Amino acid sequence: MSTSISNLVPIFSGVNWNDWSAKMEDFLGSQELWFYVKGINQKPAAVFDYETVEDAKGTSRNIPIHPAKNAPERLLWDEKDFKAKSFIRIRLSTDIQTLFKDASTSKELWDGLE
């Protein structure tokens, strides 16, 4: 049995939401991406180390050291969310894809479709 998304999830044309969304949810769950779409697995906030610097007047302030300490975790989240968003988009009709082309996350895309 093929696990290709094109064999498992029909194209969403705007009239088959119940069937399409159930199949897409199952597919994304099988890819361990559903929690990204539902917003359960949220992007980690950036965590920085700070360096204390002193200006000419002797005033100290802390500035963040880039990149964030958890940059790899944030990048992994971005990659998985993009993958989820891509899976959803490739099973949308062209007209619907166009309506949601600016969605920045899989959750934003899904919520708009709902």
PDB file of N, CA and C in Angstrom:
ATOM      1  N   MET A   1       0.841  -1.191   0.000  1.00  0.00           N
ATOM      2  CA  MET A   1       0.000   0.000   0.000  1.00  0.00           C
ATOM      3  C   MET A   1       0.879   1.246   0.000  1.00  0.00           C
ATOM      4  N   SER A   2       0.544   2.182  -0.840  1.00  0.00           N
ATOM      5  CA  SER A   2       1.324   3.407  -0.945  1.00  0.00           C
ATOM      6  C   SER A   2       0.958   4.378   0.175  1.00  0.00           C
ATOM      7  N   THR A   3       1.967   5.069   0.677  1.00  0.00           N
ATOM      8  CA  THR A   3       1.719   6.088   1.702  1.00  0.00           C
ATOM      9  C   THR A   3       1.880   7.492   1.121  1.00  0.00           C
ATOM     10  N   SER A   4       1.874   7.595  -0.207  1.00  0.00           N
ATOM     11  CA  SER A   4       1.970   8.892  -0.860  1.00  0.00           C
ATOM     12  C   SER A   4       0.737   9.727  -0.535  1.00  0.00           C
ATOM     13  N   ILE A   5       0.969  10.982  -0.228  1.00  0.00           N
ATOM     14  CA  ILE A   5      -0.152  11.860   0.124  1.00  0.00           C
ATOM     15  C   ILE A   5      -1.173  11.933  -1.006  1.00  0.00           C
ATOM     16  N   SER A   6      -0.712  11.871  -2.255  1.00  0.00           N
ATOM     17  CA  SER A   6      -1.652  11.973  -3.374  1.00  0.00           C
ATOM     18  C   SER A   6      -2.586  10.775  -3.453  1.00  0.00           C
ATOM     19  N   ASN A   7      -2.183   9.643  -2.883  1.00  0.00           N
ATOM     20  CA  ASN A   7      -3.045   8.463  -2.850  1.00  0.00           C
ATOM     21  C   ASN A   7      -3.944   8.437  -1.617  1.00  0.00           C
ATOM     22  N   LEU A   8      -3.640   9.250  -0.626  1.00  0.00           N
ATOM     23  CA  LEU A   8      -4.362   9.197   0.646  1.00  0.00           C
ATOM     24  C   LEU A   8      -5.293  10.379   0.895  1.00  0.00           C
ATOM     25  N   VAL A   9      -4.937  11.543   0.364  1.00  0.00           N
ATOM     26  CA  VAL A   9      -5.702  12.762   0.650  1.00  0.00           C
ATOM     27  C   VAL A   9      -6.156  13.380  -0.672  1.00  0.00           C
ATOM     28  N   PRO A  10      -7.466  13.565  -0.850  1.00  0.00           N
ATOM     29  CA  PRO A  10      -7.948  14.189  -2.086  1.00  0.00           C
ATOM     30  C   PRO A  10      -7.590  15.677  -2.118  1.00  0.00           C
ATOM     31  N   ILE A  11      -7.761  16.277  -3.270  1.00  0.00           N
ATOM     32  CA  ILE A  11      -7.602  17.726  -3.399  1.00  0.00           C
ATOM     33  C   ILE A  11      -8.796  18.395  -2.719  1.00  0.00           C
ATOM     34  N   PHE A  12      -8.510  19.405  -1.888  1.00  0.00           N
ATOM     35  CA  PHE A  12      -9.601  20.155  -1.259  1.00  0.00           C
ATOM     36  C   PHE A  12     -10.052  21.229  -2.235  1.00  0.00           C
ATOM     37  N   SER A  13     -11.315  21.136  -2.628  1.00  0.00           N
ATOM     38  CA  SER A  13     -11.870  22.053  -3.624  1.00  0.00           C
ATOM     39  C   SER A  13     -12.795  23.096  -3.016  1.00  0.00           C
ATOM     40  N   GLY A  14     -12.981  23.026  -1.704  1.00  0.00           N
ATOM     41  CA  GLY A  14     -13.860  23.976  -1.045  1.00  0.00           C
ATOM     42  C   GLY A  14     -15.206  23.395  -0.667  1.00  0.00           C
ATOM     43  N   VAL A  15     -15.519  22.199  -1.162  1.00  0.00           N
ATOM     44  CA  VAL A  15     -16.826  21.607  -0.867  1.00  0.00           C
ATOM     45  C   VAL A  15     -16.724  20.270  -0.134  1.00  0.00           C
ATOM     46  N   ASN A  16     -15.546  19.762   0.035  1.00  0.00           N
ATOM     47  CA  ASN A  16     -15.375  18.437   0.641  1.00  0.00           C
ATOM     48  C   ASN A  16     -14.594  18.502   1.957  1.00  0.00           C
ATOM     49  N   TRP A  17     -14.868  19.526   2.783  1.00  0.00           N
ATOM     50  CA  TRP A  17     -14.082  19.765   3.996  1.00  0.00           C
ATOM     51  C   TRP A  17     -14.054  18.579   4.953  1.00  0.00           C
ATOM     52  N   ASN A  18     -15.194  18.000   5.279  1.00  0.00           N
ATOM     53  CA  ASN A  18     -15.230  16.937   6.287  1.00  0.00           C
ATOM     54  C   ASN A  18     -14.372  15.746   5.885  1.00  0.00           C
ATOM     55  N   ASP A  19     -14.504  15.299   4.666  1.00  0.00           N
ATOM     56  CA  ASP A  19     -13.710  14.171   4.176  1.00  0.00           C
ATOM     57  C   ASP A  19     -12.233  14.550   4.090  1.00  0.00           C
ATOM     58  N   TRP A  20     -11.978  15.699   3.469  1.00  0.00           N
ATOM     59  CA  TRP A  20     -10.600  16.125   3.257  1.00  0.00           C
ATOM     60  C   TRP A  20      -9.866  16.368   4.573  1.00  0.00           C
ATOM     61  N   SER A  21     -10.487  17.090   5.487  1.00  0.00           N
ATOM     62  CA  SER A  21      -9.801  17.444   6.739  1.00  0.00           C
ATOM     63  C   SER A  21      -9.511  16.209   7.584  1.00  0.00           C
ATOM     64  N   ALA A  22     -10.417  15.238   7.589  1.00  0.00           N
ATOM     65  CA  ALA A  22     -10.171  14.008   8.352  1.00  0.00           C
ATOM     66  C   ALA A  22      -8.988  13.246   7.769  1.00  0.00           C
ATOM     67  N   LYS A  23      -8.932  13.151   6.458  1.00  0.00           N
ATOM     68  CA  LYS A  23      -7.816  12.433   5.813  1.00  0.00           C
ATOM     69  C   LYS A  23      -6.502  13.190   5.973  1.00  0.00           C
ATOM     70  N   MET A  24      -6.561  14.515   5.852  1.00  0.00           N
ATOM     71  CA  MET A  24      -5.340  15.311   6.019  1.00  0.00           C
ATOM     72  C   MET A  24      -4.845  15.219   7.455  1.00  0.00           C
ATOM     73  N   GLU A  25      -5.746  15.273   8.415  1.00  0.00           N
ATOM     74  CA  GLU A  25      -5.350  15.136   9.821  1.00  0.00           C
ATOM     75  C   GLU A  25      -4.666  13.788  10.049  1.00  0.00           C
ATOM     76  N   ASP A  26      -5.241  12.723   9.512  1.00  0.00           N
ATOM     77  CA  ASP A  26      -4.630  11.399   9.665  1.00  0.00           C
ATOM     78  C   ASP A  26      -3.256  11.347   9.011  1.00  0.00           C
ATOM     79  N   PHE A  27      -3.142  11.915   7.814  1.00  0.00           N
ATOM     80  CA  PHE A  27      -1.855  11.902   7.131  1.00  0.00           C
ATOM     81  C   PHE A  27      -0.814  12.688   7.920  1.00  0.00           C
ATOM     82  N   LEU A  28      -1.165  13.897   8.335  1.00  0.00           N
ATOM     83  CA  LEU A  28      -0.211  14.718   9.089  1.00  0.00           C
ATOM     84  C   LEU A  28       0.150  14.063  10.419  1.00  0.00           C
ATOM     85  N   GLY A  29      -0.814  13.393  11.040  1.00  0.00           N
ATOM     86  CA  GLY A  29      -0.517  12.654  12.266  1.00  0.00           C
ATOM     87  C   GLY A  29       0.481  11.543  12.019  1.00  0.00           C
ATOM     88  N   SER A  30       0.346  10.849  10.892  1.00  0.00           N
ATOM     89  CA  SER A  30       1.276   9.762  10.567  1.00  0.00           C
ATOM     90  C   SER A  30       2.682  10.286  10.301  1.00  0.00           C
ATOM     91  N   GLN A  31       2.791  11.564   9.952  1.00  0.00           N
ATOM     92  CA  GLN A  31       4.088  12.201   9.700  1.00  0.00           C
ATOM     93  C   GLN A  31       4.609  12.953  10.929  1.00  0.00           C
ATOM     94  N   GLU A  32       3.882  12.831  12.047  1.00  0.00           N
ATOM     95  CA  GLU A  32       4.213  13.509  13.304  1.00  0.00           C
ATOM     96  C   GLU A  32       4.242  15.033  13.149  1.00  0.00           C
ATOM     97  N   LEU A  33       3.275  15.546  12.379  1.00  0.00           N
ATOM     98  CA  LEU A  33       3.199  16.983  12.118  1.00  0.00           C
ATOM     99  C   LEU A  33       1.903  17.616  12.603  1.00  0.00           C
ATOM    100  N   TRP A  34       0.945  16.824  13.043  1.00  0.00           N
ATOM    101  CA  TRP A  34      -0.369  17.355  13.406  1.00  0.00           C
ATOM    102  C   TRP A  34      -0.299  18.363  14.551  1.00  0.00           C
ATOM    103  N   PHE A  35       0.568  18.143  15.526  1.00  0.00           N
ATOM    104  CA  PHE A  35       0.658  19.062  16.667  1.00  0.00           C
ATOM    105  C   PHE A  35       1.176  20.437  16.252  1.00  0.00           C
ATOM    106  N   TYR A  36       1.910  20.516  15.141  1.00  0.00           N
ATOM    107  CA  TYR A  36       2.332  21.817  14.615  1.00  0.00           C
ATOM    108  C   TYR A  36       1.120  22.554  14.054  1.00  0.00           C
ATOM    109  N   VAL A  37       0.296  21.835  13.311  1.00  0.00           N
ATOM    110  CA  VAL A  37      -0.880  22.424  12.673  1.00  0.00           C
ATOM    111  C   VAL A  37      -1.880  22.924  13.712  1.00  0.00           C
ATOM    112  N   LYS A  38      -2.069  22.189  14.782  1.00  0.00           N
ATOM    113  CA  LYS A  38      -3.036  22.567  15.807  1.00  0.00           C
ATOM    114  C   LYS A  38      -2.467  23.561  16.819  1.00  0.00           C
ATOM    115  N   GLY A  39      -1.196  23.897  16.710  1.00  0.00           N
ATOM    116  CA  GLY A  39      -0.602  24.876  17.611  1.00  0.00           C
ATOM    117  C   GLY A  39      -0.215  24.312  18.964  1.00  0.00           C
ATOM    118  N   ILE A  40      -0.253  22.997  19.099  1.00  0.00           N
ATOM    119  CA  ILE A  40       0.151  22.355  20.358  1.00  0.00           C
ATOM    120  C   ILE A  40       1.668  22.411  20.494  1.00  0.00           C
ATOM    121  N   ASN A  41       2.358  22.122  19.398  1.00  0.00           N
ATOM    122  CA  ASN A  41       3.816  22.214  19.374  1.00  0.00           C
ATOM    123  C   ASN A  41       4.161  23.597  18.831  1.00  0.00           C
ATOM    124  N   GLN A  42       4.410  24.532  19.726  1.00  0.00           N
ATOM    125  CA  GLN A  42       4.661  25.916  19.335  1.00  0.00           C
ATOM    126  C   GLN A  42       6.154  26.179  19.182  1.00  0.00           C
ATOM    127  N   LYS A  43       6.456  27.178  18.380  1.00  0.00           N
ATOM    128  CA  LYS A  43       7.848  27.541  18.150  1.00  0.00           C
ATOM    129  C   LYS A  43       8.472  28.011  19.456  1.00  0.00           C
ATOM    130  N   PRO A  44       9.629  27.447  19.806  1.00  0.00           N
ATOM    131  CA  PRO A  44      10.290  27.880  21.044  1.00  0.00           C
ATOM    132  C   PRO A  44      10.697  29.356  20.961  1.00  0.00           C
ATOM    133  N   ALA A  45      10.486  30.059  22.042  1.00  0.00           N
ATOM    134  CA  ALA A  45      10.942  31.449  22.113  1.00  0.00           C
ATOM    135  C   ALA A  45      12.465  31.460  22.091  1.00  0.00           C
ATOM    136  N   ALA A  46      13.035  32.477  21.499  1.00  0.00           N
ATOM    137  CA  ALA A  46      14.491  32.586  21.440  1.00  0.00           C
ATOM    138  C   ALA A  46      15.057  32.761  22.849  1.00  0.00           C
ATOM    139  N   VAL A  47      16.106  32.015  23.132  1.00  0.00           N
ATOM    140  CA  VAL A  47      16.791  32.101  24.421  1.00  0.00           C
ATOM    141  C   VAL A  47      18.215  32.572  24.138  1.00  0.00           C
ATOM    142  N   PHE A  48      18.571  33.687  24.730  1.00  0.00           N
ATOM    143  CA  PHE A  48      19.882  34.276  24.473  1.00  0.00           C
ATOM    144  C   PHE A  48      20.766  34.249  25.712  1.00  0.00           C
ATOM    145  N   ASP A  49      22.062  34.156  25.470  1.00  0.00           N
ATOM    146  CA  ASP A  49      23.041  34.509  26.486  1.00  0.00           C
ATOM    147  C   ASP A  49      23.265  36.007  26.324  1.00  0.00           C
ATOM    148  N   TYR A  50      23.657  36.649  27.400  1.00  0.00           N
ATOM    149  CA  TYR A  50      23.861  38.094  27.346  1.00  0.00           C
ATOM    150  C   TYR A  50      25.288  38.437  27.727  1.00  0.00           C
ATOM    151  N   GLU A  51      25.768  39.490  27.118  1.00  0.00           N
ATOM    152  CA  GLU A  51      27.092  40.020  27.411  1.00  0.00           C
ATOM    153  C   GLU A  51      26.894  41.416  27.999  1.00  0.00           C
ATOM    154  N   THR A  52      27.591  41.690  29.086  1.00  0.00           N
ATOM    155  CA  THR A  52      27.495  43.011  29.699  1.00  0.00           C
ATOM    156  C   THR A  52      28.535  43.923  29.061  1.00  0.00           C
ATOM    157  N   VAL A  53      28.072  45.056  28.577  1.00  0.00           N
ATOM    158  CA  VAL A  53      28.981  46.037  27.982  1.00  0.00           C
ATOM    159  C   VAL A  53      28.811  47.354  28.728  1.00  0.00           C
ATOM    160  N   GLU A  54      29.879  48.118  28.717  1.00  0.00           N
ATOM    161  CA  GLU A  54      29.871  49.395  29.426  1.00  0.00           C
ATOM    162  C   GLU A  54      30.120  50.506  28.417  1.00  0.00           C
ATOM    163  N   ASP A  55      29.299  51.556  28.470  1.00  0.00           N
ATOM    164  CA  ASP A  55      29.499  52.669  27.542  1.00  0.00           C
ATOM    165  C   ASP A  55      30.543  53.637  28.102  1.00  0.00           C
ATOM    166  N   ALA A  56      30.798  54.724  27.382  1.00  0.00           N
ATOM    167  CA  ALA A  56      31.831  55.690  27.764  1.00  0.00           C
ATOM    168  C   ALA A  56      31.556  56.346  29.107  1.00  0.00           C
ATOM    169  N   LYS A  57      30.293  56.403  29.524  1.00  0.00           N
ATOM    170  CA  LYS A  57      29.935  57.008  30.803  1.00  0.00           C
ATOM    171  C   LYS A  57      29.987  56.000  31.943  1.00  0.00           C
ATOM    172  N   GLY A  58      30.330  54.768  31.627  1.00  0.00           N
ATOM    173  CA  GLY A  58      30.408  53.745  32.662  1.00  0.00           C
ATOM    174  C   GLY A  58      29.086  53.052  32.951  1.00  0.00           C
ATOM    175  N   THR A  59      28.098  53.303  32.113  1.00  0.00           N
ATOM    176  CA  THR A  59      26.799  52.654  32.289  1.00  0.00           C
ATOM    177  C   THR A  59      26.839  51.268  31.659  1.00  0.00           C
ATOM    178  N   SER A  60      26.459  50.285  32.439  1.00  0.00           N
ATOM    179  CA  SER A  60      26.459  48.907  31.943  1.00  0.00           C
ATOM    180  C   SER A  60      25.088  48.536  31.391  1.00  0.00           C
ATOM    181  N   ARG A  61      25.118  47.720  30.372  1.00  0.00           N
ATOM    182  CA  ARG A  61      23.872  47.157  29.863  1.00  0.00           C
ATOM    183  C   ARG A  61      24.160  45.782  29.284  1.00  0.00           C
ATOM    184  N   ASN A  62      23.128  44.976  29.274  1.00  0.00           N
ATOM    185  CA  ASN A  62      23.255  43.625  28.731  1.00  0.00           C
ATOM    186  C   ASN A  62      22.746  43.602  27.296  1.00  0.00           C
ATOM    187  N   ILE A  63      23.532  42.995  26.424  1.00  0.00           N
ATOM    188  CA  ILE A  63      23.090  42.831  25.039  1.00  0.00           C
ATOM    189  C   ILE A  63      23.100  41.337  24.712  1.00  0.00           C
ATOM    190  N   PRO A  64      22.140  40.906  23.912  1.00  0.00           N
ATOM    191  CA  PRO A  64      22.083  39.482  23.585  1.00  0.00           C
ATOM    192  C   PRO A  64      23.220  39.083  22.654  1.00  0.00           C
ATOM    193  N   ILE A  65      23.709  37.884  22.867  1.00  0.00           N
ATOM    194  CA  ILE A  65      24.729  37.308  21.997  1.00  0.00           C
ATOM    195  C   ILE A  65      23.990  36.464  20.958  1.00  0.00           C
ATOM    196  N   HIS A  66      24.243  36.731  19.705  1.00  0.00           N
ATOM    197  CA  HIS A  66      23.563  36.005  18.622  1.00  0.00           C
ATOM    198  C   HIS A  66      24.455  34.885  18.116  1.00  0.00           C
ATOM    199  N   PRO A  67      23.945  33.800  17.637  1.00  0.00           N
ATOM    200  CA  PRO A  67      22.528  33.464  17.533  1.00  0.00           C
ATOM    201  C   PRO A  67      21.975  33.002  18.882  1.00  0.00           C
ATOM    202  N   ALA A  68      20.676  32.819  18.906  1.00  0.00           N
ATOM    203  CA  ALA A  68      20.022  32.339  20.127  1.00  0.00           C
ATOM    204  C   ALA A  68      20.611  30.990  20.519  1.00  0.00           C
ATOM    205  N   LYS A  69      20.662  30.741  21.834  1.00  0.00           N
ATOM    206  CA  LYS A  69      21.200  29.462  22.325  1.00  0.00           C
ATOM    207  C   LYS A  69      20.418  28.281  21.775  1.00  0.00           C
ATOM    208  N   ASN A  70      19.130  28.464  21.570  1.00  0.00           N
ATOM    209  CA  ASN A  70      18.299  27.364  21.096  1.00  0.00           C
ATOM    210  C   ASN A  70      17.982  27.486  19.601  1.00  0.00           C
ATOM    211  N   ALA A  71      18.884  28.105  18.851  1.00  0.00           N
ATOM    212  CA  ALA A  71      18.664  28.270  17.411  1.00  0.00           C
ATOM    213  C   ALA A  71      18.417  26.939  16.696  1.00  0.00           C
ATOM    214  N   PRO A  72      19.127  25.855  17.028  1.00  0.00           N
ATOM    215  CA  PRO A  72      18.845  24.582  16.345  1.00  0.00           C
ATOM    216  C   PRO A  72      17.412  24.084  16.573  1.00  0.00           C
ATOM    217  N   GLU A  73      16.900  24.241  17.788  1.00  0.00           N
ATOM    218  CA  GLU A  73      15.526  23.814  18.069  1.00  0.00           C
ATOM    219  C   GLU A  73      14.525  24.674  17.305  1.00  0.00           C
ATOM    220  N   ARG A  74      14.802  25.965  17.208  1.00  0.00           N
ATOM    221  CA  ARG A  74      13.915  26.863  16.470  1.00  0.00           C
ATOM    222  C   ARG A  74      13.940  26.542  14.976  1.00  0.00           C
ATOM    223  N   LEU A  75      15.113  26.225  14.456  1.00  0.00           N
ATOM    224  CA  LEU A  75      15.227  25.855  13.048  1.00  0.00           C
ATOM    225  C   LEU A  75      14.485  24.550  12.768  1.00  0.00           C
ATOM    226  N   LEU A  76      14.608  23.578  13.654  1.00  0.00           N
ATOM    227  CA  LEU A  76      13.890  22.313  13.489  1.00  0.00           C
ATOM    228  C   LEU A  76      12.385  22.558  13.483  1.00  0.00           C
ATOM    229  N   TRP A  77      11.899  23.420  14.378  1.00  0.00           N
ATOM    230  CA  TRP A  77      10.472  23.746  14.398  1.00  0.00           C
ATOM    231  C   TRP A  77      10.061  24.366  13.069  1.00  0.00           C
ATOM    232  N   ASP A  78      10.859  25.322  12.567  1.00  0.00           N
ATOM    233  CA  ASP A  78      10.555  25.968  11.282  1.00  0.00           C
ATOM    234  C   ASP A  78      10.471  24.938  10.155  1.00  0.00           C
ATOM    235  N   GLU A  79      11.408  24.001  10.137  1.00  0.00           N
ATOM    236  CA  GLU A  79      11.434  22.984   9.084  1.00  0.00           C
ATOM    237  C   GLU A  79      10.196  22.099   9.136  1.00  0.00           C
ATOM    238  N   LYS A  80       9.827  21.652  10.332  1.00  0.00           N
ATOM    239  CA  LYS A  80       8.668  20.763  10.461  1.00  0.00           C
ATOM    240  C   LYS A  80       7.365  21.501  10.170  1.00  0.00           C
ATOM    241  N   ASP A  81       7.254  22.733  10.615  1.00  0.00           N
ATOM    242  CA  ASP A  81       6.051  23.498  10.333  1.00  0.00           C
ATOM    243  C   ASP A  81       5.932  23.772   8.835  1.00  0.00           C
ATOM    244  N   PHE A  82       7.046  24.077   8.184  1.00  0.00           N
ATOM    245  CA  PHE A  82       7.027  24.301   6.736  1.00  0.00           C
ATOM    246  C   PHE A  82       6.610  23.029   6.008  1.00  0.00           C
ATOM    247  N   LYS A  83       7.086  21.898   6.474  1.00  0.00           N
ATOM    248  CA  LYS A  83       6.715  20.619   5.870  1.00  0.00           C
ATOM    249  C   LYS A  83       5.208  20.390   6.003  1.00  0.00           C
ATOM    250  N   ALA A  84       4.656  20.646   7.185  1.00  0.00           N
ATOM    251  CA  ALA A  84       3.214  20.491   7.399  1.00  0.00           C
ATOM    252  C   ALA A  84       2.441  21.433   6.483  1.00  0.00           C
ATOM    253  N   LYS A  85       2.881  22.678   6.410  1.00  0.00           N
ATOM    254  CA  LYS A  85       2.208  23.659   5.554  1.00  0.00           C
ATOM    255  C   LYS A  85       2.278  23.232   4.089  1.00  0.00           C
ATOM    256  N   SER A  86       3.406  22.699   3.674  1.00  0.00           N
ATOM    257  CA  SER A  86       3.565  22.246   2.290  1.00  0.00           C
ATOM    258  C   SER A  86       2.646  21.077   1.973  1.00  0.00           C
ATOM    259  N   PHE A  87       2.563  20.114   2.886  1.00  0.00           N
ATOM    260  CA  PHE A  87       1.655  18.983   2.671  1.00  0.00           C
ATOM    261  C   PHE A  87       0.218  19.470   2.494  1.00  0.00           C
ATOM    262  N   ILE A  88      -0.187  20.424   3.302  1.00  0.00           N
ATOM    263  CA  ILE A  88      -1.550  20.948   3.192  1.00  0.00           C
ATOM    264  C   ILE A  88      -1.731  21.651   1.846  1.00  0.00           C
ATOM    265  N   ARG A  89      -0.791  22.522   1.503  1.00  0.00           N
ATOM    266  CA  ARG A  89      -0.923  23.317   0.276  1.00  0.00           C
ATOM    267  C   ARG A  89      -0.972  22.461  -0.983  1.00  0.00           C
ATOM    268  N   ILE A  90      -0.201  21.384  -1.033  1.00  0.00           N
ATOM    269  CA  ILE A  90      -0.183  20.589  -2.268  1.00  0.00           C
ATOM    270  C   ILE A  90      -1.474  19.809  -2.485  1.00  0.00           C
ATOM    271  N   ARG A  91      -2.326  19.758  -1.462  1.00  0.00           N
ATOM    272  CA  ARG A  91      -3.613  19.075  -1.620  1.00  0.00           C
ATOM    273  C   ARG A  91      -4.770  20.068  -1.636  1.00  0.00           C
ATOM    274  N   LEU A  92      -4.476  21.318  -2.007  1.00  0.00           N
ATOM    275  CA  LEU A  92      -5.502  22.346  -2.183  1.00  0.00           C
ATOM    276  C   LEU A  92      -5.653  22.639  -3.669  1.00  0.00           C
ATOM    277  N   SER A  93      -6.866  22.948  -4.079  1.00  0.00           N
ATOM    278  CA  SER A  93      -7.059  23.383  -5.463  1.00  0.00           C
ATOM    279  C   SER A  93      -6.287  24.687  -5.670  1.00  0.00           C
ATOM    280  N   THR A  94      -5.971  24.985  -6.909  1.00  0.00           N
ATOM    281  CA  THR A  94      -5.202  26.190  -7.218  1.00  0.00           C
ATOM    282  C   THR A  94      -5.890  27.448  -6.699  1.00  0.00           C
ATOM    283  N   ASP A  95      -7.201  27.521  -6.848  1.00  0.00           N
ATOM    284  CA  ASP A  95      -7.938  28.699  -6.372  1.00  0.00           C
ATOM    285  C   ASP A  95      -7.795  28.879  -4.864  1.00  0.00           C
ATOM    286  N   ILE A  96      -7.869  27.790  -4.128  1.00  0.00           N
ATOM    287  CA  ILE A  96      -7.766  27.878  -2.666  1.00  0.00           C
ATOM    288  C   ILE A  96      -6.324  28.151  -2.253  1.00  0.00           C
ATOM    289  N   GLN A  97      -5.365  27.550  -2.952  1.00  0.00           N
ATOM    290  CA  GLN A  97      -3.951  27.852  -2.671  1.00  0.00           C
ATOM    291  C   GLN A  97      -3.706  29.352  -2.766  1.00  0.00           C
ATOM    292  N   THR A  98      -4.245  29.963  -3.795  1.00  0.00           N
ATOM    293  CA  THR A  98      -4.045  31.396  -4.017  1.00  0.00           C
ATOM    294  C   THR A  98      -4.615  32.225  -2.872  1.00  0.00           C
ATOM    295  N   LEU A  99      -5.758  31.816  -2.356  1.00  0.00           N
ATOM    296  CA  LEU A  99      -6.384  32.559  -1.254  1.00  0.00           C
ATOM    297  C   LEU A  99      -5.532  32.557   0.012  1.00  0.00           C
ATOM    298  N   PHE A 100      -4.758  31.492   0.215  1.00  0.00           N
ATOM    299  CA  PHE A 100      -4.008  31.327   1.463  1.00  0.00           C
ATOM    300  C   PHE A 100      -2.498  31.334   1.245  1.00  0.00           C
ATOM    301  N   LYS A 101      -2.051  31.950   0.156  1.00  0.00           N
ATOM    302  CA  LYS A 101      -0.623  31.923  -0.177  1.00  0.00           C
ATOM    303  C   LYS A 101       0.249  32.639   0.848  1.00  0.00           C
ATOM    304  N   ASP A 102      -0.324  33.552   1.615  1.00  0.00           N
ATOM    305  CA  ASP A 102       0.473  34.332   2.564  1.00  0.00           C
ATOM    306  C   ASP A 102       0.466  33.780   3.986  1.00  0.00           C
ATOM    307  N   ALA A 103      -0.146  32.626   4.197  1.00  0.00           N
ATOM    308  CA  ALA A 103      -0.148  32.035   5.544  1.00  0.00           C
ATOM    309  C   ALA A 103       1.291  31.763   5.964  1.00  0.00           C
ATOM    310  N   SER A 104       1.655  32.217   7.151  1.00  0.00           N
ATOM    311  CA  SER A 104       3.050  32.088   7.581  1.00  0.00           C
ATOM    312  C   SER A 104       3.341  30.780   8.312  1.00  0.00           C
ATOM    313  N   THR A 105       2.314  30.130   8.843  1.00  0.00           N
ATOM    314  CA  THR A 105       2.512  28.857   9.542  1.00  0.00           C
ATOM    315  C   THR A 105       1.438  27.865   9.109  1.00  0.00           C
ATOM    316  N   SER A 106       1.682  26.606   9.405  1.00  0.00           N
ATOM    317  CA  SER A 106       0.678  25.585   9.094  1.00  0.00           C
ATOM    318  C   SER A 106      -0.598  25.830   9.890  1.00  0.00           C
ATOM    319  N   LYS A 107      -0.469  26.302  11.110  1.00  0.00           N
ATOM    320  CA  LYS A 107      -1.654  26.598  11.931  1.00  0.00           C
ATOM    321  C   LYS A 107      -2.469  27.729  11.314  1.00  0.00           C
ATOM    322  N   GLU A 108      -1.806  28.775  10.887  1.00  0.00           N
ATOM    323  CA  GLU A 108      -2.509  29.893  10.257  1.00  0.00           C
ATOM    324  C   GLU A 108      -3.240  29.427   8.995  1.00  0.00           C
ATOM    325  N   LEU A 109      -2.599  28.578   8.212  1.00  0.00           N
ATOM    326  CA  LEU A 109      -3.222  28.043   7.007  1.00  0.00           C
ATOM    327  C   LEU A 109      -4.442  27.200   7.356  1.00  0.00           C
ATOM    328  N   TRP A 110      -4.281  26.274   8.299  1.00  0.00           N
ATOM    329  CA  TRP A 110      -5.380  25.385   8.687  1.00  0.00           C
ATOM    330  C   TRP A 110      -6.559  26.178   9.261  1.00  0.00           C
ATOM    331  N   ASP A 111      -6.249  27.105  10.151  1.00  0.00           N
ATOM    332  CA  ASP A 111      -7.312  27.915  10.760  1.00  0.00           C
ATOM    333  C   ASP A 111      -8.075  28.705   9.697  1.00  0.00           C
ATOM    334  N   GLY A 112      -7.370  29.191   8.692  1.00  0.00           N
ATOM    335  CA  GLY A 112      -8.029  29.907   7.606  1.00  0.00           C
ATOM    336  C   GLY A 112      -8.925  29.006   6.780  1.00  0.00           C
ATOM    337  N   LEU A 113      -8.492  27.785   6.579  1.00  0.00           N
ATOM    338  CA  LEU A 113      -9.295  26.828   5.811  1.00  0.00           C
ATOM    339  C   LEU A 113     -10.551  26.416   6.566  1.00  0.00           C
ATOM    340  N   GLU A 114     -10.425  26.302   7.884  1.00  0.00           N
ATOM    341  CA  GLU A 114     -11.583  25.904   8.701  1.00  0.00           C
ATOM    342  C   GLU A 114     -12.680  26.932   8.584  1.00  0.00           C
TER     343      GLU A 114
END
